Amino acid sequence: MTGGHLVLVGLMGTGKSTVGRKVARALGRDFVDADSEFEVRQGRSIRDFFERFGEEEFRMIESQVLSDLLSTERPLVVATGGGVVLSETNRNLLRSAGHVVWLRASVETLVKRLSTTRGLAKRPLLDGDVEDRLRTMERDRADLYQSVADATIDVDSRTADAVCELVVASHGGVA
């Protein structure tokens, strides 16, 4: 592992994929969305995978995807799934990956961003009371995100372009 990856962590809806693509362009790197990589490898959506095999099996494969991505020699920009920090193994991988940025948003912002049919259809962990589920995730994961983050960026009142600039600056702007 080269240790030169730039990895975005945070709850679903914080903009990891959108910002990650912009950061990759700015740094001249390839971008990989870990959730999309999971779906390609499994040949099914995450929702379908959850319904057929459950969260525990999902987390095991998610860990393998993360390990594979972070073991590539060429530095990448990686957007992780929101729950990737739940595994101690994953947190250790993230800490040694290079530069990790926690994109943080208020639950109110996340509810606005995710409360669309399209936004919820992809996210089995938000079935039920979306706001309550997000509050629980935020409470359960905030310390875990903090434990792996080299930088934390609040995204509530910022555009994706502004967040991208802050991510690049936190990385030193070096490809």
N, C-alpha and C. Protein backbone atom coordinates (compact mmCIF):
# COMPACT_ATOMS: atom_id res chain seq x y z
N MET A 1 0.84 -1.18 0.00
CA MET A 1 0.00 0.00 0.00
C MET A 1 0.88 1.24 0.00
N THR A 2 0.58 2.15 -0.88
CA THR A 2 1.39 3.35 -1.00
C THR A 2 1.06 4.38 0.05
N GLY A 3 -0.13 4.33 0.61
CA GLY A 3 -0.53 5.31 1.62
C GLY A 3 -0.90 6.64 1.02
N GLY A 4 -1.06 6.73 -0.29
CA GLY A 4 -1.33 8.00 -0.93
C GLY A 4 -2.75 8.24 -1.39
N HIS A 5 -3.69 7.42 -0.95
CA HIS A 5 -5.08 7.61 -1.37
C HIS A 5 -5.71 8.78 -0.62
N LEU A 6 -6.72 9.36 -1.22
CA LEU A 6 -7.56 10.35 -0.56
C LEU A 6 -8.93 9.71 -0.44
N VAL A 7 -9.39 9.56 0.81
CA VAL A 7 -10.62 8.81 1.07
C VAL A 7 -11.63 9.71 1.76
N LEU A 8 -12.86 9.67 1.26
CA LEU A 8 -13.95 10.44 1.84
C LEU A 8 -14.85 9.51 2.64
N VAL A 9 -15.10 9.89 3.90
CA VAL A 9 -16.00 9.14 4.76
C VAL A 9 -17.10 10.08 5.25
N GLY A 10 -18.20 9.50 5.72
CA GLY A 10 -19.30 10.29 6.25
C GLY A 10 -20.61 9.57 6.02
N LEU A 11 -21.65 10.08 6.65
CA LEU A 11 -22.97 9.48 6.49
C LEU A 11 -23.45 9.58 5.04
N MET A 12 -24.39 8.72 4.70
CA MET A 12 -24.99 8.79 3.38
C MET A 12 -25.63 10.16 3.19
N GLY A 13 -25.46 10.70 1.99
CA GLY A 13 -26.05 12.00 1.69
C GLY A 13 -25.14 13.19 1.93
N THR A 14 -23.93 12.96 2.42
CA THR A 14 -23.02 14.08 2.68
C THR A 14 -22.34 14.57 1.41
N GLY A 15 -22.43 13.81 0.32
CA GLY A 15 -21.85 14.24 -0.95
C GLY A 15 -20.53 13.59 -1.28
N LYS A 16 -20.24 12.46 -0.66
CA LYS A 16 -18.95 11.81 -0.89
C LYS A 16 -18.70 11.50 -2.37
N SER A 17 -19.70 10.97 -3.04
CA SER A 17 -19.52 10.61 -4.45
C SER A 17 -19.41 11.84 -5.35
N THR A 18 -20.29 12.80 -5.14
CA THR A 18 -20.28 14.02 -5.95
C THR A 18 -18.96 14.77 -5.75
N VAL A 19 -18.60 14.98 -4.49
CA VAL A 19 -17.36 15.71 -4.19
C VAL A 19 -16.15 14.88 -4.63
N GLY A 20 -16.20 13.58 -4.42
CA GLY A 20 -15.08 12.72 -4.80
C GLY A 20 -14.74 12.82 -6.27
N ARG A 21 -15.75 12.86 -7.12
CA ARG A 21 -15.50 12.99 -8.57
C ARG A 21 -14.80 14.32 -8.88
N LYS A 22 -15.25 15.37 -8.23
CA LYS A 22 -14.65 16.69 -8.44
C LYS A 22 -13.21 16.73 -7.93
N VAL A 23 -12.98 16.15 -6.76
CA VAL A 23 -11.62 16.11 -6.18
C VAL A 23 -10.69 15.31 -7.10
N ALA A 24 -11.17 14.19 -7.60
CA ALA A 24 -10.35 13.38 -8.50
C ALA A 24 -9.94 14.16 -9.74
N ARG A 25 -10.90 14.90 -10.31
CA ARG A 25 -10.56 15.73 -11.48
C ARG A 25 -9.53 16.78 -11.10
N ALA A 26 -9.71 17.42 -9.95
CA ALA A 26 -8.80 18.48 -9.51
C ALA A 26 -7.38 17.94 -9.28
N LEU A 27 -7.29 16.72 -8.80
CA LEU A 27 -5.97 16.13 -8.49
C LEU A 27 -5.42 15.26 -9.62
N GLY A 28 -6.20 15.08 -10.68
CA GLY A 28 -5.75 14.24 -11.79
C GLY A 28 -5.65 12.77 -11.41
N ARG A 29 -6.59 12.33 -10.58
CA ARG A 29 -6.61 10.93 -10.14
C ARG A 29 -7.88 10.23 -10.62
N ASP A 30 -7.86 8.91 -10.52
CA ASP A 30 -9.07 8.14 -10.76
C ASP A 30 -9.94 8.20 -9.52
N PHE A 31 -11.25 8.15 -9.74
CA PHE A 31 -12.23 8.14 -8.66
C PHE A 31 -12.91 6.78 -8.62
N VAL A 32 -13.11 6.26 -7.41
CA VAL A 32 -13.87 5.03 -7.24
C VAL A 32 -14.88 5.21 -6.11
N ASP A 33 -16.13 4.91 -6.41
CA ASP A 33 -17.18 4.89 -5.40
C ASP A 33 -17.26 3.45 -4.90
N ALA A 34 -16.94 3.23 -3.63
CA ALA A 34 -16.89 1.87 -3.08
C ALA A 34 -18.24 1.16 -3.17
N ASP A 35 -19.34 1.89 -2.98
CA ASP A 35 -20.66 1.26 -3.10
C ASP A 35 -20.92 0.81 -4.53
N SER A 36 -20.56 1.64 -5.50
CA SER A 36 -20.73 1.25 -6.91
C SER A 36 -19.86 0.05 -7.24
N GLU A 37 -18.63 0.04 -6.73
CA GLU A 37 -17.73 -1.10 -6.94
C GLU A 37 -18.33 -2.37 -6.34
N PHE A 38 -18.93 -2.27 -5.17
CA PHE A 38 -19.61 -3.40 -4.54
C PHE A 38 -20.69 -3.94 -5.48
N GLU A 39 -21.52 -3.03 -6.00
CA GLU A 39 -22.62 -3.45 -6.87
C GLU A 39 -22.13 -4.11 -8.15
N VAL A 40 -21.05 -3.59 -8.73
CA VAL A 40 -20.49 -4.19 -9.94
C VAL A 40 -20.00 -5.61 -9.63
N ARG A 41 -19.27 -5.76 -8.54
CA ARG A 41 -18.73 -7.07 -8.18
C ARG A 41 -19.83 -8.08 -7.87
N GLN A 42 -20.91 -7.63 -7.25
CA GLN A 42 -21.98 -8.55 -6.85
C GLN A 42 -23.05 -8.72 -7.92
N GLY A 43 -23.04 -7.83 -8.91
CA GLY A 43 -24.04 -7.93 -9.98
C GLY A 43 -25.45 -7.64 -9.50
N ARG A 44 -25.57 -6.85 -8.45
CA ARG A 44 -26.89 -6.50 -7.92
C ARG A 44 -26.76 -5.22 -7.10
N SER A 45 -27.91 -4.59 -6.86
CA SER A 45 -27.90 -3.37 -6.06
C SER A 45 -27.64 -3.71 -4.59
N ILE A 46 -27.19 -2.72 -3.85
CA ILE A 46 -26.97 -2.91 -2.42
C ILE A 46 -28.29 -3.27 -1.74
N ARG A 47 -29.38 -2.60 -2.12
CA ARG A 47 -30.69 -2.92 -1.53
C ARG A 47 -31.04 -4.38 -1.78
N ASP A 48 -30.87 -4.85 -3.00
CA ASP A 48 -31.17 -6.25 -3.30
C ASP A 48 -30.26 -7.18 -2.50
N PHE A 49 -28.99 -6.83 -2.41
CA PHE A 49 -28.05 -7.65 -1.64
C PHE A 49 -28.48 -7.73 -0.18
N PHE A 50 -28.83 -6.59 0.42
CA PHE A 50 -29.30 -6.55 1.81
C PHE A 50 -30.50 -7.47 2.00
N GLU A 51 -31.46 -7.36 1.07
CA GLU A 51 -32.70 -8.15 1.19
C GLU A 51 -32.42 -9.65 1.09
N ARG A 52 -31.46 -10.04 0.27
CA ARG A 52 -31.17 -11.47 0.07
C ARG A 52 -30.20 -12.04 1.11
N PHE A 53 -29.20 -11.26 1.49
CA PHE A 53 -28.11 -11.81 2.30
C PHE A 53 -27.91 -11.13 3.66
N GLY A 54 -28.47 -9.95 3.85
CA GLY A 54 -28.38 -9.27 5.14
C GLY A 54 -27.17 -8.36 5.28
N GLU A 55 -27.21 -7.56 6.35
CA GLU A 55 -26.16 -6.57 6.56
C GLU A 55 -24.81 -7.20 6.90
N GLU A 56 -24.82 -8.27 7.67
CA GLU A 56 -23.54 -8.86 8.07
C GLU A 56 -22.73 -9.32 6.86
N GLU A 57 -23.37 -9.99 5.92
CA GLU A 57 -22.68 -10.43 4.70
C GLU A 57 -22.24 -9.22 3.87
N PHE A 58 -23.11 -8.20 3.82
CA PHE A 58 -22.76 -6.96 3.11
C PHE A 58 -21.47 -6.37 3.69
N ARG A 59 -21.40 -6.27 5.01
CA ARG A 59 -20.23 -5.66 5.65
C ARG A 59 -18.96 -6.44 5.38
N MET A 60 -19.05 -7.76 5.32
CA MET A 60 -17.86 -8.57 5.03
C MET A 60 -17.33 -8.27 3.63
N ILE A 61 -18.23 -8.20 2.66
CA ILE A 61 -17.80 -7.93 1.28
C ILE A 61 -17.37 -6.47 1.13
N GLU A 62 -18.05 -5.56 1.81
CA GLU A 62 -17.66 -4.15 1.80
C GLU A 62 -16.22 -4.00 2.28
N SER A 63 -15.84 -4.76 3.30
CA SER A 63 -14.47 -4.71 3.82
C SER A 63 -13.48 -5.19 2.78
N GLN A 64 -13.84 -6.24 2.05
CA GLN A 64 -12.94 -6.75 1.01
C GLN A 64 -12.78 -5.73 -0.12
N VAL A 65 -13.87 -5.09 -0.50
CA VAL A 65 -13.81 -4.06 -1.54
C VAL A 65 -12.89 -2.93 -1.08
N LEU A 66 -13.06 -2.47 0.15
CA LEU A 66 -12.22 -1.39 0.67
C LEU A 66 -10.75 -1.80 0.66
N SER A 67 -10.47 -2.99 1.15
CA SER A 67 -9.10 -3.48 1.18
C SER A 67 -8.49 -3.52 -0.22
N ASP A 68 -9.26 -4.02 -1.17
CA ASP A 68 -8.77 -4.10 -2.55
C ASP A 68 -8.48 -2.71 -3.11
N LEU A 69 -9.40 -1.77 -2.88
CA LEU A 69 -9.21 -0.42 -3.41
C LEU A 69 -7.99 0.25 -2.79
N LEU A 70 -7.83 0.10 -1.48
CA LEU A 70 -6.74 0.79 -0.80
C LEU A 70 -5.40 0.10 -0.99
N SER A 71 -5.40 -1.09 -1.58
CA SER A 71 -4.13 -1.77 -1.83
C SER A 71 -3.60 -1.50 -3.23
N THR A 72 -4.34 -0.71 -4.02
CA THR A 72 -3.84 -0.37 -5.36
C THR A 72 -2.66 0.57 -5.23
N GLU A 73 -1.72 0.42 -6.15
CA GLU A 73 -0.51 1.23 -6.10
C GLU A 73 -0.75 2.68 -6.47
N ARG A 74 -1.55 2.88 -7.52
CA ARG A 74 -1.81 4.24 -7.99
C ARG A 74 -2.78 4.93 -7.02
N PRO A 75 -2.44 6.11 -6.53
CA PRO A 75 -3.32 6.81 -5.58
C PRO A 75 -4.68 7.13 -6.20
N LEU A 76 -5.72 6.82 -5.47
CA LEU A 76 -7.10 7.03 -5.90
C LEU A 76 -7.78 8.06 -5.00
N VAL A 77 -8.91 8.54 -5.47
CA VAL A 77 -9.87 9.22 -4.61
C VAL A 77 -11.01 8.22 -4.44
N VAL A 78 -11.32 7.88 -3.18
CA VAL A 78 -12.31 6.85 -2.88
C VAL A 78 -13.43 7.44 -2.03
N ALA A 79 -14.66 7.23 -2.47
CA ALA A 79 -15.83 7.55 -1.66
C ALA A 79 -16.29 6.24 -1.04
N THR A 80 -16.31 6.18 0.28
CA THR A 80 -16.71 4.96 0.97
C THR A 80 -18.20 4.95 1.23
N GLY A 81 -18.72 3.79 1.59
CA GLY A 81 -20.08 3.69 2.09
C GLY A 81 -20.14 4.29 3.48
N GLY A 82 -21.29 4.77 3.87
CA GLY A 82 -21.43 5.44 5.15
C GLY A 82 -21.10 4.60 6.37
N GLY A 83 -21.30 3.29 6.27
CA GLY A 83 -21.07 2.41 7.42
C GLY A 83 -19.72 1.75 7.45
N VAL A 84 -18.84 2.13 6.56
CA VAL A 84 -17.53 1.47 6.47
C VAL A 84 -16.75 1.56 7.78
N VAL A 85 -16.99 2.60 8.56
CA VAL A 85 -16.24 2.80 9.81
C VAL A 85 -16.72 1.89 10.94
N LEU A 86 -17.77 1.14 10.74
CA LEU A 86 -18.28 0.26 11.79
C LEU A 86 -17.33 -0.89 12.11
N SER A 87 -16.48 -1.23 11.15
CA SER A 87 -15.52 -2.32 11.32
C SER A 87 -14.18 -1.78 11.78
N GLU A 88 -13.64 -2.37 12.84
CA GLU A 88 -12.32 -1.96 13.31
C GLU A 88 -11.26 -2.22 12.25
N THR A 89 -11.38 -3.32 11.54
CA THR A 89 -10.44 -3.62 10.45
C THR A 89 -10.47 -2.51 9.41
N ASN A 90 -11.67 -2.06 9.04
CA ASN A 90 -11.78 -0.98 8.07
C ASN A 90 -11.19 0.32 8.61
N ARG A 91 -11.43 0.61 9.88
CA ARG A 91 -10.87 1.84 10.46
C ARG A 91 -9.35 1.79 10.41
N ASN A 92 -8.77 0.66 10.68
CA ASN A 92 -7.30 0.52 10.59
C ASN A 92 -6.82 0.71 9.16
N LEU A 93 -7.55 0.14 8.19
CA LEU A 93 -7.20 0.33 6.78
C LEU A 93 -7.26 1.82 6.42
N LEU A 94 -8.31 2.48 6.86
CA LEU A 94 -8.48 3.90 6.54
C LEU A 94 -7.36 4.74 7.14
N ARG A 95 -6.99 4.44 8.35
CA ARG A 95 -5.93 5.21 9.01
C ARG A 95 -4.59 5.10 8.28
N SER A 96 -4.38 3.99 7.60
CA SER A 96 -3.11 3.80 6.88
C SER A 96 -3.23 4.07 5.39
N ALA A 97 -4.40 4.54 4.95
CA ALA A 97 -4.67 4.70 3.52
C ALA A 97 -4.02 5.91 2.90
N GLY A 98 -3.79 6.93 3.68
CA GLY A 98 -3.31 8.19 3.14
C GLY A 98 -4.00 9.32 3.85
N HIS A 99 -4.86 10.06 3.15
CA HIS A 99 -5.54 11.23 3.71
C HIS A 99 -7.04 10.94 3.72
N VAL A 100 -7.63 10.97 4.91
CA VAL A 100 -9.06 10.68 5.07
C VAL A 100 -9.78 11.96 5.48
N VAL A 101 -10.84 12.28 4.76
CA VAL A 101 -11.63 13.47 5.04
C VAL A 101 -13.05 13.05 5.40
N TRP A 102 -13.50 13.51 6.57
CA TRP A 102 -14.87 13.26 7.02
C TRP A 102 -15.73 14.41 6.53
N LEU A 103 -16.69 14.10 5.65
CA LEU A 103 -17.68 15.08 5.22
C LEU A 103 -18.84 14.97 6.21
N ARG A 104 -19.09 16.05 6.93
CA ARG A 104 -20.07 16.04 8.01
C ARG A 104 -21.22 16.96 7.66
N ALA A 105 -22.44 16.50 7.93
CA ALA A 105 -23.64 17.30 7.67
C ALA A 105 -24.61 17.11 8.83
N SER A 106 -25.45 18.10 9.03
CA SER A 106 -26.49 17.98 10.05
C SER A 106 -27.54 16.97 9.57
N VAL A 107 -28.25 16.39 10.52
CA VAL A 107 -29.32 15.46 10.17
C VAL A 107 -30.37 16.17 9.33
N GLU A 108 -30.63 17.43 9.62
CA GLU A 108 -31.63 18.18 8.86
C GLU A 108 -31.23 18.28 7.38
N THR A 109 -29.95 18.57 7.14
CA THR A 109 -29.47 18.63 5.75
C THR A 109 -29.60 17.26 5.08
N LEU A 110 -29.23 16.21 5.79
CA LEU A 110 -29.29 14.86 5.22
C LEU A 110 -30.73 14.46 4.90
N VAL A 111 -31.66 14.79 5.78
CA VAL A 111 -33.06 14.46 5.53
C VAL A 111 -33.53 15.15 4.25
N LYS A 112 -33.18 16.43 4.09
CA LYS A 112 -33.56 17.16 2.87
C LYS A 112 -32.97 16.50 1.64
N ARG A 113 -31.70 16.13 1.71
CA ARG A 113 -31.03 15.55 0.55
C ARG A 113 -31.54 14.15 0.21
N LEU A 114 -31.87 13.37 1.23
CA LEU A 114 -32.19 11.97 1.01
C LEU A 114 -33.68 11.67 0.90
N SER A 115 -34.53 12.59 1.30
CA SER A 115 -35.97 12.32 1.33
C SER A 115 -36.61 12.49 -0.03
N THR A 116 -36.10 11.75 -0.98
CA THR A 116 -36.71 11.65 -2.30
C THR A 116 -36.88 10.17 -2.58
N THR A 117 -37.77 9.84 -3.46
CA THR A 117 -37.97 8.43 -3.78
C THR A 117 -36.66 7.81 -4.25
N ARG A 118 -35.93 8.51 -5.11
CA ARG A 118 -34.67 8.00 -5.63
C ARG A 118 -33.63 7.87 -4.51
N GLY A 119 -33.58 8.87 -3.64
CA GLY A 119 -32.61 8.86 -2.55
C GLY A 119 -32.82 7.73 -1.57
N LEU A 120 -34.07 7.41 -1.30
CA LEU A 120 -34.37 6.35 -0.33
C LEU A 120 -34.35 4.97 -0.94
N ALA A 121 -34.66 4.87 -2.21
CA ALA A 121 -34.75 3.55 -2.86
C ALA A 121 -33.43 2.80 -2.79
N LYS A 122 -32.32 3.52 -2.82
CA LYS A 122 -31.00 2.90 -2.82
C LYS A 122 -30.51 2.54 -1.43
N ARG A 123 -31.18 2.99 -0.38
CA ARG A 123 -30.61 2.94 0.98
C ARG A 123 -31.48 2.13 1.93
N PRO A 124 -31.22 0.84 2.02
CA PRO A 124 -32.06 -0.01 2.88
C PRO A 124 -31.98 0.35 4.36
N LEU A 125 -30.90 0.95 4.81
CA LEU A 125 -30.79 1.30 6.22
C LEU A 125 -31.65 2.50 6.61
N LEU A 126 -32.29 3.14 5.62
CA LEU A 126 -33.17 4.27 5.92
C LEU A 126 -34.64 3.90 5.86
N ASP A 127 -34.94 2.61 5.71
CA ASP A 127 -36.34 2.20 5.71
C ASP A 127 -36.95 2.57 7.06
N GLY A 128 -38.16 3.13 7.03
CA GLY A 128 -38.81 3.55 8.26
C GLY A 128 -38.70 5.05 8.43
N ASP A 129 -38.50 5.50 9.65
CA ASP A 129 -38.40 6.92 9.98
C ASP A 129 -37.00 7.42 9.61
N VAL A 130 -36.90 8.11 8.49
CA VAL A 130 -35.62 8.53 7.95
C VAL A 130 -34.85 9.40 8.95
N GLU A 131 -35.52 10.39 9.51
CA GLU A 131 -34.82 11.29 10.43
C GLU A 131 -34.32 10.54 11.66
N ASP A 132 -35.14 9.68 12.22
CA ASP A 132 -34.73 8.91 13.40
C ASP A 132 -33.55 7.99 13.07
N ARG A 133 -33.61 7.35 11.90
CA ARG A 133 -32.51 6.45 11.51
C ARG A 133 -31.21 7.23 11.34
N LEU A 134 -31.30 8.41 10.72
CA LEU A 134 -30.10 9.23 10.53
C LEU A 134 -29.54 9.74 11.85
N ARG A 135 -30.42 10.13 12.77
CA ARG A 135 -29.96 10.59 14.09
C ARG A 135 -29.22 9.47 14.82
N THR A 136 -29.76 8.26 14.73
CA THR A 136 -29.12 7.11 15.36
C THR A 136 -27.76 6.84 14.73
N MET A 137 -27.70 6.85 13.40
CA MET A 137 -26.42 6.62 12.71
C MET A 137 -25.41 7.69 13.08
N GLU A 138 -25.85 8.94 13.10
CA GLU A 138 -24.93 10.04 13.43
C GLU A 138 -24.37 9.85 14.84
N ARG A 139 -25.24 9.52 15.76
CA ARG A 139 -24.81 9.31 17.15
C ARG A 139 -23.84 8.13 17.26
N ASP A 140 -24.15 7.04 16.56
CA ASP A 140 -23.34 5.83 16.64
C ASP A 140 -22.02 5.91 15.89
N ARG A 141 -21.95 6.78 14.89
CA ARG A 141 -20.77 6.78 14.01
C ARG A 141 -19.87 7.99 14.13
N ALA A 142 -20.33 9.08 14.71
CA ALA A 142 -19.54 10.32 14.71
C ALA A 142 -18.14 10.10 15.28
N ASP A 143 -18.03 9.44 16.41
CA ASP A 143 -16.71 9.20 17.00
C ASP A 143 -15.84 8.31 16.11
N LEU A 144 -16.48 7.39 15.40
CA LEU A 144 -15.73 6.49 14.50
C LEU A 144 -15.18 7.27 13.31
N TYR A 145 -16.01 8.15 12.74
CA TYR A 145 -15.52 8.99 11.64
C TYR A 145 -14.36 9.85 12.13
N GLN A 146 -14.53 10.46 13.29
CA GLN A 146 -13.50 11.32 13.85
C GLN A 146 -12.19 10.56 14.06
N SER A 147 -12.31 9.29 14.45
CA SER A 147 -11.12 8.50 14.75
C SER A 147 -10.26 8.19 13.53
N VAL A 148 -10.83 8.29 12.34
CA VAL A 148 -10.06 7.99 11.12
C VAL A 148 -9.73 9.24 10.31
N ALA A 149 -10.36 10.36 10.65
CA ALA A 149 -10.27 11.56 9.80
C ALA A 149 -9.01 12.37 10.06
N ASP A 150 -8.35 12.74 8.97
CA ASP A 150 -7.26 13.70 9.02
C ASP A 150 -7.80 15.13 8.94
N ALA A 151 -9.00 15.26 8.38
CA ALA A 151 -9.66 16.56 8.26
C ALA A 151 -11.17 16.33 8.32
N THR A 152 -11.88 17.33 8.84
CA THR A 152 -13.34 17.28 8.90
C THR A 152 -13.88 18.53 8.22
N ILE A 153 -14.83 18.33 7.32
CA ILE A 153 -15.41 19.46 6.59
C ILE A 153 -16.92 19.42 6.74
N ASP A 154 -17.48 20.50 7.28
CA ASP A 154 -18.93 20.63 7.39
C ASP A 154 -19.47 21.06 6.04
N VAL A 155 -20.45 20.31 5.55
CA VAL A 155 -20.94 20.54 4.19
C VAL A 155 -22.29 21.24 4.13
N ASP A 156 -22.92 21.48 5.29
CA ASP A 156 -24.30 21.98 5.33
C ASP A 156 -24.57 23.16 4.40
N SER A 157 -23.80 24.21 4.49
CA SER A 157 -24.10 25.43 3.72
C SER A 157 -23.12 25.64 2.57
N ARG A 158 -22.50 24.55 2.13
CA ARG A 158 -21.50 24.67 1.07
C ARG A 158 -21.92 23.92 -0.19
N THR A 159 -21.53 24.48 -1.33
CA THR A 159 -21.75 23.79 -2.60
C THR A 159 -20.72 22.66 -2.73
N ALA A 160 -20.99 21.74 -3.65
CA ALA A 160 -20.03 20.66 -3.91
C ALA A 160 -18.69 21.22 -4.36
N ASP A 161 -18.71 22.28 -5.16
CA ASP A 161 -17.44 22.89 -5.60
C ASP A 161 -16.66 23.46 -4.43
N ALA A 162 -17.36 24.12 -3.49
CA ALA A 162 -16.68 24.68 -2.32
C ALA A 162 -16.11 23.58 -1.43
N VAL A 163 -16.87 22.49 -1.26
CA VAL A 163 -16.38 21.37 -0.47
C VAL A 163 -15.16 20.75 -1.15
N CYS A 164 -15.21 20.62 -2.47
CA CYS A 164 -14.08 20.09 -3.22
C CYS A 164 -12.83 20.92 -2.95
N GLU A 165 -12.95 22.23 -3.02
CA GLU A 165 -11.80 23.10 -2.77
C GLU A 165 -11.23 22.87 -1.38
N LEU A 166 -12.10 22.73 -0.40
CA LEU A 166 -11.65 22.50 0.98
C LEU A 166 -10.97 21.13 1.13
N VAL A 167 -11.50 20.12 0.47
CA VAL A 167 -10.88 18.79 0.51
C VAL A 167 -9.48 18.84 -0.10
N VAL A 168 -9.38 19.45 -1.27
CA VAL A 168 -8.08 19.56 -1.94
C VAL A 168 -7.10 20.35 -1.06
N ALA A 169 -7.56 21.43 -0.47
CA ALA A 169 -6.70 22.23 0.41
C ALA A 169 -6.26 21.42 1.63
N SER A 170 -7.15 20.60 2.17
CA SER A 170 -6.81 19.80 3.36
C SER A 170 -5.76 18.75 3.03
N HIS A 171 -5.72 18.39 1.78
CA HIS A 171 -4.76 17.39 1.28
C HIS A 171 -3.44 18.03 0.89
N GLY A 172 -3.42 19.34 0.89
CA GLY A 172 -2.22 20.06 0.47
C GLY A 172 -2.22 20.36 -1.01
N GLY A 173 -3.31 19.98 -1.69
CA GLY A 173 -3.44 20.26 -3.11
C GLY A 173 -2.45 19.53 -3.99
N VAL A 174 -1.84 18.48 -3.46
CA VAL A 174 -0.81 17.76 -4.19
C VAL A 174 -1.37 16.47 -4.75
N ALA A 175 -1.13 16.23 -6.03
CA ALA A 175 -1.58 14.99 -6.65
C ALA A 175 -0.69 13.87 -6.18
